[in-house]
Amino acid sequence: MSAARYGTYGTAYTWWNGTYSGSNTLYDRPICAVFFNDTGITHYMGVRLKDNYTSTADSEDFGAFSQYAGPVYQSKGYCGQVYSYMEDATGKVLVDNYLSVGTCD
């Protein structure tokens, strides 16, 4: 669905499995997101997936990872956003970005 590379630090990806979780073929697409650590070094990092419905809790995975954070899932995530975060061992923020999953009004 979407991807974003954040320098040499990491890459966020979203996927849709081709099914629908409801009758709305635009909004009701189950989405999965992963934030890959491209450094090969363990960093505190995370990924958060927010769907387009305010009543739905965000799905997130934060911690110390050497390969990736996630996967995280939303059953109606197509019009949502993915938040990616990474910091180095001193606490300096390396990645702090949002990525739109789909193009919606």
PDB file of N, CA and C in Angstrom:
ATOM      1  N   MET A   1       0.821  -1.183   0.000  1.00  0.00           N
ATOM      2  CA  MET A   1       0.000   0.000   0.000  1.00  0.00           C
ATOM      3  C   MET A   1       0.871   1.255   0.000  1.00  0.00           C
ATOM      4  N   SER A   2       1.818   1.330   0.948  1.00  0.00           N
ATOM      5  CA  SER A   2       2.667   2.510   1.026  1.00  0.00           C
ATOM      6  C   SER A   2       3.991   2.138   1.664  1.00  0.00           C
ATOM      7  N   ALA A   3       4.981   3.001   1.437  1.00  0.00           N
ATOM      8  CA  ALA A   3       6.309   2.785   2.012  1.00  0.00           C
ATOM      9  C   ALA A   3       7.018   4.123   2.132  1.00  0.00           C
ATOM     10  N   ALA A   4       7.897   4.208   3.116  1.00  0.00           N
ATOM     11  CA  ALA A   4       8.713   5.412   3.285  1.00  0.00           C
ATOM     12  C   ALA A   4      10.060   5.004   3.867  1.00  0.00           C
ATOM     13  N   ARG A   5      11.110   5.509   3.263  1.00  0.00           N
ATOM     14  CA  ARG A   5      12.469   5.260   3.762  1.00  0.00           C
ATOM     15  C   ARG A   5      12.922   6.506   4.497  1.00  0.00           C
ATOM     16  N   TYR A   6      13.453   6.304   5.697  1.00  0.00           N
ATOM     17  CA  TYR A   6      13.908   7.407   6.543  1.00  0.00           C
ATOM     18  C   TYR A   6      15.434   7.385   6.621  1.00  0.00           C
ATOM     19  N   GLY A   7      16.062   7.998   5.611  1.00  0.00           N
ATOM     20  CA  GLY A   7      17.523   8.025   5.539  1.00  0.00           C
ATOM     21  C   GLY A   7      18.079   6.614   5.521  1.00  0.00           C
ATOM     22  N   THR A   8      19.121   6.392   6.302  1.00  0.00           N
ATOM     23  CA  THR A   8      19.713   5.058   6.411  1.00  0.00           C
ATOM     24  C   THR A   8      19.231   4.334   7.669  1.00  0.00           C
ATOM     25  N   TYR A   9      18.250   4.917   8.357  1.00  0.00           N
ATOM     26  CA  TYR A   9      17.821   4.376   9.645  1.00  0.00           C
ATOM     27  C   TYR A   9      16.751   3.296   9.548  1.00  0.00           C
ATOM     28  N   GLY A  10      15.725   3.533   8.754  1.00  0.00           N
ATOM     29  CA  GLY A  10      14.652   2.558   8.705  1.00  0.00           C
ATOM     30  C   GLY A  10      13.687   2.795   7.561  1.00  0.00           C
ATOM     31  N   THR A  11      12.817   1.811   7.352  1.00  0.00           N
ATOM     32  CA  THR A  11      11.815   1.871   6.303  1.00  0.00           C
ATOM     33  C   THR A  11      10.487   1.361   6.857  1.00  0.00           C
ATOM     34  N   ALA A  12       9.429   2.134   6.642  1.00  0.00           N
ATOM     35  CA  ALA A  12       8.088   1.737   7.051  1.00  0.00           C
ATOM     36  C   ALA A  12       7.322   1.234   5.832  1.00  0.00           C
ATOM     37  N   TYR A  13       6.603   0.136   6.023  1.00  0.00           N
ATOM     38  CA  TYR A  13       5.791  -0.452   4.970  1.00  0.00           C
ATOM     39  C   TYR A  13       4.390  -0.727   5.494  1.00  0.00           C
ATOM     40  N   THR A  14       3.408  -0.627   4.608  1.00  0.00           N
ATOM     41  CA  THR A  14       2.053  -1.075   4.920  1.00  0.00           C
ATOM     42  C   THR A  14       1.593  -2.033   3.826  1.00  0.00           C
ATOM     43  N   TRP A  15       0.763  -2.985   4.240  1.00  0.00           N
ATOM     44  CA  TRP A  15       0.227  -3.978   3.316  1.00  0.00           C
ATOM     45  C   TRP A  15      -1.267  -4.138   3.525  1.00  0.00           C
ATOM     46  N   TRP A  16      -1.946  -4.507   2.462  1.00  0.00           N
ATOM     47  CA  TRP A  16      -3.355  -4.869   2.489  1.00  0.00           C
ATOM     48  C   TRP A  16      -3.456  -6.280   1.938  1.00  0.00           C
ATOM     49  N   ASN A  17      -4.227  -7.147   2.593  1.00  0.00           N
ATOM     50  CA  ASN A  17      -4.288  -8.551   2.177  1.00  0.00           C
ATOM     51  C   ASN A  17      -5.333  -8.836   1.109  1.00  0.00           C
ATOM     52  N   GLY A  18      -5.993  -7.803   0.569  1.00  0.00           N
ATOM     53  CA  GLY A  18      -6.943  -8.003  -0.515  1.00  0.00           C
ATOM     54  C   GLY A  18      -8.352  -8.345  -0.067  1.00  0.00           C
ATOM     55  N   THR A  19      -8.591  -8.371   1.238  1.00  0.00           N
ATOM     56  CA  THR A  19      -9.935  -8.664   1.745  1.00  0.00           C
ATOM     57  C   THR A  19     -10.555  -7.387   2.313  1.00  0.00           C
ATOM     58  N   TYR A  20     -11.810  -7.483   2.719  1.00  0.00           N
ATOM     59  CA  TYR A  20     -12.518  -6.357   3.330  1.00  0.00           C
ATOM     60  C   TYR A  20     -13.102  -6.796   4.660  1.00  0.00           C
ATOM     61  N   SER A  21     -13.099  -5.888   5.637  1.00  0.00           N
ATOM     62  CA  SER A  21     -13.650  -6.206   6.957  1.00  0.00           C
ATOM     63  C   SER A  21     -15.078  -5.699   7.114  1.00  0.00           C
ATOM     64  N   GLY A  22     -15.610  -5.075   6.084  1.00  0.00           N
ATOM     65  CA  GLY A  22     -16.977  -4.551   6.094  1.00  0.00           C
ATOM     66  C   GLY A  22     -17.432  -4.296   4.677  1.00  0.00           C
ATOM     67  N   SER A  23     -18.520  -3.547   4.535  1.00  0.00           N
ATOM     68  CA  SER A  23     -19.109  -3.334   3.213  1.00  0.00           C
ATOM     69  C   SER A  23     -18.509  -2.149   2.459  1.00  0.00           C
ATOM     70  N   ASN A  24     -17.765  -1.278   3.124  1.00  0.00           N
ATOM     71  CA  ASN A  24     -17.176  -0.128   2.461  1.00  0.00           C
ATOM     72  C   ASN A  24     -15.820  -0.529   1.867  1.00  0.00           C
ATOM     73  N   THR A  25     -15.758  -0.609   0.536  1.00  0.00           N
ATOM     74  CA  THR A  25     -14.545  -1.115  -0.117  1.00  0.00           C
ATOM     75  C   THR A  25     -13.394  -0.125  -0.124  1.00  0.00           C
ATOM     76  N   LEU A  26     -13.614   1.093   0.336  1.00  0.00           N
ATOM     77  CA  LEU A  26     -12.506   2.041   0.478  1.00  0.00           C
ATOM     78  C   LEU A  26     -11.940   1.986   1.886  1.00  0.00           C
ATOM     79  N   TYR A  27     -12.782   2.154   2.882  1.00  0.00           N
ATOM     80  CA  TYR A  27     -12.315   2.258   4.264  1.00  0.00           C
ATOM     81  C   TYR A  27     -12.065   0.918   4.944  1.00  0.00           C
ATOM     82  N   ASP A  28     -12.833  -0.102   4.604  1.00  0.00           N
ATOM     83  CA  ASP A  28     -12.810  -1.360   5.343  1.00  0.00           C
ATOM     84  C   ASP A  28     -11.766  -2.347   4.828  1.00  0.00           C
ATOM     85  N   ARG A  29     -10.551  -1.879   4.679  1.00  0.00           N
ATOM     86  CA  ARG A  29      -9.453  -2.730   4.232  1.00  0.00           C
ATOM     87  C   ARG A  29      -8.516  -3.004   5.412  1.00  0.00           C
ATOM     88  N   PRO A  30      -8.339  -4.259   5.791  1.00  0.00           N
ATOM     89  CA  PRO A  30      -7.399  -4.572   6.866  1.00  0.00           C
ATOM     90  C   PRO A  30      -5.974  -4.214   6.442  1.00  0.00           C
ATOM     91  N   ILE A  31      -5.274  -3.504   7.316  1.00  0.00           N
ATOM     92  CA  ILE A  31      -3.926  -3.024   7.009  1.00  0.00           C
ATOM     93  C   ILE A  31      -2.943  -3.556   8.046  1.00  0.00           C
ATOM     94  N   CYS A  32      -1.751  -3.865   7.591  1.00  0.00           N
ATOM     95  CA  CYS A  32      -0.644  -4.293   8.439  1.00  0.00           C
ATOM     96  C   CYS A  32       0.502  -3.314   8.220  1.00  0.00           C
ATOM     97  N   ALA A  33       1.227  -2.950   9.292  1.00  0.00           N
ATOM     98  CA  ALA A  33       2.370  -2.048   9.172  1.00  0.00           C
ATOM     99  C   ALA A  33       3.574  -2.611   9.924  1.00  0.00           C
ATOM    100  N   VAL A  34       4.758  -2.403   9.345  1.00  0.00           N
ATOM    101  CA  VAL A  34       6.026  -2.804   9.960  1.00  0.00           C
ATOM    102  C   VAL A  34       7.027  -1.681   9.729  1.00  0.00           C
ATOM    103  N   PHE A  35       7.861  -1.418  10.734  1.00  0.00           N
ATOM    104  CA  PHE A  35       8.947  -0.441  10.612  1.00  0.00           C
ATOM    105  C   PHE A  35      10.255  -1.210  10.761  1.00  0.00           C
ATOM    106  N   PHE A  36      10.990  -1.319   9.648  1.00  0.00           N
ATOM    107  CA  PHE A  36      12.232  -2.075   9.626  1.00  0.00           C
ATOM    108  C   PHE A  36      13.412  -1.222  10.071  1.00  0.00           C
ATOM    109  N   ASN A  37      14.259  -1.808  10.899  1.00  0.00           N
ATOM    110  CA  ASN A  37      15.496  -1.180  11.340  1.00  0.00           C
ATOM    111  C   ASN A  37      16.561  -1.495  10.292  1.00  0.00           C
ATOM    112  N   ASP A  38      17.006  -0.490   9.556  1.00  0.00           N
ATOM    113  CA  ASP A  38      17.984  -0.696   8.488  1.00  0.00           C
ATOM    114  C   ASP A  38      19.423  -0.519   8.946  1.00  0.00           C
ATOM    115  N   THR A  39      19.644  -0.301  10.249  1.00  0.00           N
ATOM    116  CA  THR A  39      20.999  -0.029  10.743  1.00  0.00           C
ATOM    117  C   THR A  39      21.759  -1.279  11.137  1.00  0.00           C
ATOM    118  N   GLY A  40      21.047  -2.350  11.478  1.00  0.00           N
ATOM    119  CA  GLY A  40      21.706  -3.553  11.966  1.00  0.00           C
ATOM    120  C   GLY A  40      22.114  -3.458  13.426  1.00  0.00           C
ATOM    121  N   ILE A  41      21.757  -2.365  14.096  1.00  0.00           N
ATOM    122  CA  ILE A  41      22.075  -2.128  15.502  1.00  0.00           C
ATOM    123  C   ILE A  41      20.762  -2.021  16.272  1.00  0.00           C
ATOM    124  N   THR A  42      20.714  -2.575  17.464  1.00  0.00           N
ATOM    125  CA  THR A  42      19.503  -2.479  18.273  1.00  0.00           C
ATOM    126  C   THR A  42      19.259  -1.031  18.683  1.00  0.00           C
ATOM    127  N   HIS A  43      18.045  -0.573  18.435  1.00  0.00           N
ATOM    128  CA  HIS A  43      17.616   0.780  18.798  1.00  0.00           C
ATOM    129  C   HIS A  43      16.264   0.693  19.490  1.00  0.00           C
ATOM    130  N   TYR A  44      15.968   1.686  20.337  1.00  0.00           N
ATOM    131  CA  TYR A  44      14.605   1.843  20.809  1.00  0.00           C
ATOM    132  C   TYR A  44      13.829   2.406  19.628  1.00  0.00           C
ATOM    133  N   MET A  45      12.750   1.730  19.263  1.00  0.00           N
ATOM    134  CA  MET A  45      11.989   2.130  18.087  1.00  0.00           C
ATOM    135  C   MET A  45      10.564   1.621  18.204  1.00  0.00           C
ATOM    136  N   GLY A  46       9.720   2.097  17.316  1.00  0.00           N
ATOM    137  CA  GLY A  46       8.358   1.626  17.343  1.00  0.00           C
ATOM    138  C   GLY A  46       7.575   2.009  16.114  1.00  0.00           C
ATOM    139  N   VAL A  47       6.412   1.381  16.004  1.00  0.00           N
ATOM    140  CA  VAL A  47       5.482   1.652  14.915  1.00  0.00           C
ATOM    141  C   VAL A  47       4.077   1.692  15.520  1.00  0.00           C
ATOM    142  N   ARG A  48       3.292   2.664  15.071  1.00  0.00           N
ATOM    143  CA  ARG A  48       1.906   2.801  15.531  1.00  0.00           C
ATOM    144  C   ARG A  48       1.016   2.966  14.304  1.00  0.00           C
ATOM    145  N   LEU A  49      -0.056   2.202  14.246  1.00  0.00           N
ATOM    146  CA  LEU A  49      -1.000   2.259  13.133  1.00  0.00           C
ATOM    147  C   LEU A  49      -2.333   2.777  13.654  1.00  0.00           C
ATOM    148  N   LYS A  50      -2.791   3.868  13.054  1.00  0.00           N
ATOM    149  CA  LYS A  50      -4.051   4.505  13.428  1.00  0.00           C
ATOM    150  C   LYS A  50      -4.985   4.420  12.235  1.00  0.00           C
ATOM    151  N   ASP A  51      -6.196   3.915  12.477  1.00  0.00           N
ATOM    152  CA  ASP A  51      -7.147   3.856  11.363  1.00  0.00           C
ATOM    153  C   ASP A  51      -7.903   5.173  11.252  1.00  0.00           C
ATOM    154  N   ASN A  52      -8.879   5.233  10.383  1.00  0.00           N
ATOM    155  CA  ASN A  52      -9.610   6.471  10.129  1.00  0.00           C
ATOM    156  C   ASN A  52     -10.842   6.627  11.025  1.00  0.00           C
ATOM    157  N   TYR A  53     -11.024   5.761  11.988  1.00  0.00           N
ATOM    158  CA  TYR A  53     -12.147   5.836  12.921  1.00  0.00           C
ATOM    159  C   TYR A  53     -11.620   6.263  14.287  1.00  0.00           C
ATOM    160  N   THR A  54     -12.130   7.343  14.836  1.00  0.00           N
ATOM    161  CA  THR A  54     -11.616   7.861  16.096  1.00  0.00           C
ATOM    162  C   THR A  54     -11.918   6.951  17.279  1.00  0.00           C
ATOM    163  N   SER A  55     -12.914   6.086  17.160  1.00  0.00           N
ATOM    164  CA  SER A  55     -13.275   5.215  18.275  1.00  0.00           C
ATOM    165  C   SER A  55     -12.389   3.972  18.382  1.00  0.00           C
ATOM    166  N   THR A  56     -11.573   3.716  17.402  1.00  0.00           N
ATOM    167  CA  THR A  56     -10.711   2.539  17.398  1.00  0.00           C
ATOM    168  C   THR A  56      -9.373   2.870  18.046  1.00  0.00           C
ATOM    169  N   ALA A  57      -8.937   2.030  18.966  1.00  0.00           N
ATOM    170  CA  ALA A  57      -7.627   2.220  19.595  1.00  0.00           C
ATOM    171  C   ALA A  57      -6.510   1.984  18.578  1.00  0.00           C
ATOM    172  N   ASP A  58      -5.427   2.740  18.708  1.00  0.00           N
ATOM    173  CA  ASP A  58      -4.268   2.542  17.841  1.00  0.00           C
ATOM    174  C   ASP A  58      -3.618   1.195  18.159  1.00  0.00           C
ATOM    175  N   SER A  59      -2.977   0.605  17.150  1.00  0.00           N
ATOM    176  CA  SER A  59      -2.182  -0.606  17.337  1.00  0.00           C
ATOM    177  C   SER A  59      -0.722  -0.186  17.312  1.00  0.00           C
ATOM    178  N   GLU A  60       0.070  -0.656  18.278  1.00  0.00           N
ATOM    179  CA  GLU A  60       1.462  -0.213  18.313  1.00  0.00           C
ATOM    180  C   GLU A  60       2.379  -1.291  18.870  1.00  0.00           C
ATOM    181  N   ASP A  61       3.651  -1.142  18.543  1.00  0.00           N
ATOM    182  CA  ASP A  61       4.705  -2.028  19.040  1.00  0.00           C
ATOM    183  C   ASP A  61       5.956  -1.180  19.225  1.00  0.00           C
ATOM    184  N   PHE A  62       6.367  -0.942  20.467  1.00  0.00           N
ATOM    185  CA  PHE A  62       7.552  -0.159  20.792  1.00  0.00           C
ATOM    186  C   PHE A  62       8.469  -0.978  21.689  1.00  0.00           C
ATOM    187  N   GLY A  63       9.769  -0.828  21.499  1.00  0.00           N
ATOM    188  CA  GLY A  63      10.749  -1.532  22.322  1.00  0.00           C
ATOM    189  C   GLY A  63      12.120  -1.433  21.699  1.00  0.00           C
ATOM    190  N   ALA A  64      13.048  -2.242  22.194  1.00  0.00           N
ATOM    191  CA  ALA A  64      14.405  -2.301  21.648  1.00  0.00           C
ATOM    192  C   ALA A  64      14.448  -3.419  20.613  1.00  0.00           C
ATOM    193  N   PHE A  65      14.676  -3.048  19.359  1.00  0.00           N
ATOM    194  CA  PHE A  65      14.643  -4.016  18.271  1.00  0.00           C
ATOM    195  C   PHE A  65      15.871  -3.861  17.368  1.00  0.00           C
ATOM    196  N   SER A  66      16.387  -4.981  16.897  1.00  0.00           N
ATOM    197  CA  SER A  66      17.506  -4.943  15.962  1.00  0.00           C
ATOM    198  C   SER A  66      17.056  -5.139  14.522  1.00  0.00           C
ATOM    199  N   GLN A  67      15.828  -5.659  14.312  1.00  0.00           N
ATOM    200  CA  GLN A  67      15.368  -5.932  12.954  1.00  0.00           C
ATOM    201  C   GLN A  67      14.137  -5.133  12.565  1.00  0.00           C
ATOM    202  N   TYR A  68      13.081  -5.160  13.370  1.00  0.00           N
ATOM    203  CA  TYR A  68      11.861  -4.440  13.016  1.00  0.00           C
ATOM    204  C   TYR A  68      10.943  -4.298  14.224  1.00  0.00           C
ATOM    205  N   ALA A  69      10.064  -3.322  14.144  1.00  0.00           N
ATOM    206  CA  ALA A  69       8.963  -3.153  15.088  1.00  0.00           C
ATOM    207  C   ALA A  69       7.687  -3.515  14.357  1.00  0.00           C
ATOM    208  N   GLY A  70       6.808  -4.233  15.017  1.00  0.00           N
ATOM    209  CA  GLY A  70       5.585  -4.694  14.399  1.00  0.00           C
ATOM    210  C   GLY A  70       5.666  -6.179  14.136  1.00  0.00           C
ATOM    211  N   PRO A  71       4.778  -6.703  13.378  1.00  0.00           N
ATOM    212  CA  PRO A  71       3.710  -6.026  12.659  1.00  0.00           C
ATOM    213  C   PRO A  71       2.568  -5.609  13.584  1.00  0.00           C
ATOM    214  N   VAL A  72       1.880  -4.554  13.170  1.00  0.00           N
ATOM    215  CA  VAL A  72       0.674  -4.089  13.840  1.00  0.00           C
ATOM    216  C   VAL A  72      -0.455  -4.092  12.818  1.00  0.00           C
ATOM    217  N   TYR A  73      -1.691  -4.253  13.295  1.00  0.00           N
ATOM    218  CA  TYR A  73      -2.829  -4.448  12.400  1.00  0.00           C
ATOM    219  C   TYR A  73      -3.996  -3.541  12.776  1.00  0.00           C
ATOM    220  N   GLN A  74      -4.756  -3.137  11.771  1.00  0.00           N
ATOM    221  CA  GLN A  74      -6.043  -2.462  11.949  1.00  0.00           C
ATOM    222  C   GLN A  74      -7.003  -3.078  10.936  1.00  0.00           C
ATOM    223  N   SER A  75      -8.226  -3.373  11.371  1.00  0.00           N
ATOM    224  CA  SER A  75      -9.185  -4.010  10.459  1.00  0.00           C
ATOM    225  C   SER A  75      -9.779  -3.027   9.459  1.00  0.00           C
ATOM    226  N   LYS A  76      -9.679  -1.721   9.726  1.00  0.00           N
ATOM    227  CA  LYS A  76     -10.186  -0.697   8.805  1.00  0.00           C
ATOM    228  C   LYS A  76      -9.134   0.395   8.663  1.00  0.00           C
ATOM    229  N   GLY A  77      -7.935   0.030   8.279  1.00  0.00           N
ATOM    230  CA  GLY A  77      -6.820   0.957   8.346  1.00  0.00           C
ATOM    231  C   GLY A  77      -6.449   1.689   7.083  1.00  0.00           C
ATOM    232  N   TYR A  78      -7.171   1.507   5.991  1.00  0.00           N
ATOM    233  CA  TYR A  78      -6.722   2.054   4.715  1.00  0.00           C
ATOM    234  C   TYR A  78      -6.564   3.575   4.720  1.00  0.00           C
ATOM    235  N   CYS A  79      -7.430   4.291   5.365  1.00  0.00           N
ATOM    236  CA  CYS A  79      -7.347   5.761   5.382  1.00  0.00           C
ATOM    237  C   CYS A  79      -6.625   6.279   6.617  1.00  0.00           C
ATOM    238  N   GLY A  80      -5.852   5.448   7.243  1.00  0.00           N
ATOM    239  CA  GLY A  80      -5.168   5.819   8.467  1.00  0.00           C
ATOM    240  C   GLY A  80      -3.752   6.321   8.249  1.00  0.00           C
ATOM    241  N   GLN A  81      -2.995   6.324   9.348  1.00  0.00           N
ATOM    242  CA  GLN A  81      -1.606   6.773   9.334  1.00  0.00           C
ATOM    243  C   GLN A  81      -0.730   5.783  10.088  1.00  0.00           C
ATOM    244  N   VAL A  82       0.530   5.726   9.660  1.00  0.00           N
ATOM    245  CA  VAL A  82       1.538   4.938  10.353  1.00  0.00           C
ATOM    246  C   VAL A  82       2.556   5.907  10.933  1.00  0.00           C
ATOM    247  N   TYR A  83       2.830   5.750  12.233  1.00  0.00           N
ATOM    248  CA  TYR A  83       3.844   6.558  12.899  1.00  0.00           C
ATOM    249  C   TYR A  83       5.063   5.683  13.135  1.00  0.00           C
ATOM    250  N   SER A  84       6.238   6.170  12.741  1.00  0.00           N
ATOM    251  CA  SER A  84       7.496   5.450  12.926  1.00  0.00           C
ATOM    252  C   SER A  84       8.415   6.291  13.800  1.00  0.00           C
ATOM    253  N   TYR A  85       9.086   5.620  14.754  1.00  0.00           N
ATOM    254  CA  TYR A  85       9.953   6.325  15.698  1.00  0.00           C
ATOM    255  C   TYR A  85      11.198   5.484  15.964  1.00  0.00           C
ATOM    256  N   MET A  86      12.352   6.182  16.066  1.00  0.00           N
ATOM    257  CA  MET A  86      13.598   5.502  16.408  1.00  0.00           C
ATOM    258  C   MET A  86      14.526   6.498  17.090  1.00  0.00           C
ATOM    259  N   GLU A  87      15.241   6.006  18.098  1.00  0.00           N
ATOM    260  CA  GLU A  87      16.260   6.845  18.734  1.00  0.00           C
ATOM    261  C   GLU A  87      17.533   6.035  18.929  1.00  0.00           C
ATOM    262  N   ASP A  88      18.671   6.761  19.056  1.00  0.00           N
ATOM    263  CA  ASP A  88      19.945   6.078  19.264  1.00  0.00           C
ATOM    264  C   ASP A  88      20.161   5.808  20.756  1.00  0.00           C
ATOM    265  N   ALA A  89      21.314   5.254  21.096  1.00  0.00           N
ATOM    266  CA  ALA A  89      21.598   4.854  22.477  1.00  0.00           C
ATOM    267  C   ALA A  89      21.645   6.028  23.438  1.00  0.00           C
ATOM    268  N   THR A  90      21.883   7.237  22.938  1.00  0.00           N
ATOM    269  CA  THR A  90      21.931   8.420  23.805  1.00  0.00           C
ATOM    270  C   THR A  90      20.572   9.089  23.940  1.00  0.00           C
ATOM    271  N   GLY A  91      19.561   8.583  23.243  1.00  0.00           N
ATOM    272  CA  GLY A  91      18.226   9.166  23.281  1.00  0.00           C
ATOM    273  C   GLY A  91      17.970  10.177  22.181  1.00  0.00           C
ATOM    274  N   LYS A  92      18.933  10.382  21.293  1.00  0.00           N
ATOM    275  CA  LYS A  92      18.745  11.293  20.166  1.00  0.00           C
ATOM    276  C   LYS A  92      17.734  10.676  19.195  1.00  0.00           C
ATOM    277  N   VAL A  93      16.742  11.468  18.815  1.00  0.00           N
ATOM    278  CA  VAL A  93      15.704  10.985  17.905  1.00  0.00           C
ATOM    279  C   VAL A  93      16.261  10.922  16.486  1.00  0.00           C
ATOM    280  N   LEU A  94      16.160   9.749  15.881  1.00  0.00           N
ATOM    281  CA  LEU A  94      16.636   9.530  14.517  1.00  0.00           C
ATOM    282  C   LEU A  94      15.487   9.541  13.509  1.00  0.00           C
ATOM    283  N   VAL A  95      14.341   8.984  13.906  1.00  0.00           N
ATOM    284  CA  VAL A  95      13.154   8.939  13.044  1.00  0.00           C
ATOM    285  C   VAL A  95      11.948   9.323  13.895  1.00  0.00           C
ATOM    286  N   ASP A  96      11.139  10.219  13.366  1.00  0.00           N
ATOM    287  CA  ASP A  96       9.916  10.682  14.036  1.00  0.00           C
ATOM    288  C   ASP A  96       8.984  11.170  12.928  1.00  0.00           C
ATOM    289  N   ASN A  97       8.313  10.224  12.253  1.00  0.00           N
ATOM    290  CA  ASN A  97       7.567  10.558  11.031  1.00  0.00           C
ATOM    291  C   ASN A  97       6.238   9.830  10.928  1.00  0.00           C
ATOM    292  N   TYR A  98       5.336  10.458  10.182  1.00  0.00           N
ATOM    293  CA  TYR A  98       4.044   9.866   9.841  1.00  0.00           C
ATOM    294  C   TYR A  98       4.006   9.537   8.359  1.00  0.00           C
ATOM    295  N   LEU A  99       3.293   8.470   8.034  1.00  0.00           N
ATOM    296  CA  LEU A  99       3.096   8.026   6.660  1.00  0.00           C
ATOM    297  C   LEU A  99       1.611   7.742   6.472  1.00  0.00           C
ATOM    298  N   SER A 100       1.009   8.332   5.446  1.00  0.00           N
ATOM    299  CA  SER A 100      -0.394   8.037   5.130  1.00  0.00           C
ATOM    300  C   SER A 100      -0.475   6.661   4.479  1.00  0.00           C
ATOM    301  N   VAL A 101      -1.472   5.896   4.874  1.00  0.00           N
ATOM    302  CA  VAL A 101      -1.631   4.548   4.314  1.00  0.00           C
ATOM    303  C   VAL A 101      -2.240   4.625   2.925  1.00  0.00           C
ATOM    304  N   GLY A 102      -3.355   5.291   2.777  1.00  0.00           N
ATOM    305  CA  GLY A 102      -4.026   5.410   1.497  1.00  0.00           C
ATOM    306  C   GLY A 102      -4.392   6.867   1.223  1.00  0.00           C
ATOM    307  N   THR A 103      -4.950   7.113   0.060  1.00  0.00           N
ATOM    308  CA  THR A 103      -5.362   8.466  -0.286  1.00  0.00           C
ATOM    309  C   THR A 103      -6.867   8.589  -0.103  1.00  0.00           C
ATOM    310  N   CYS A 104      -7.267   9.241   0.974  1.00  0.00           N
ATOM    311  CA  CYS A 104      -8.681   9.375   1.316  1.00  0.00           C
ATOM    312  C   CYS A 104      -8.993  10.806   1.669  1.00  0.00           C
ATOM    313  N   ASP A 105     -10.263  11.171   1.541  1.00  0.00           N
ATOM    314  CA  ASP A 105     -10.710  12.528   1.919  1.00  0.00           C
ATOM    315  C   ASP A 105     -11.050  12.558   3.395  1.00  0.00           C
TER     316      ASP A 105
END
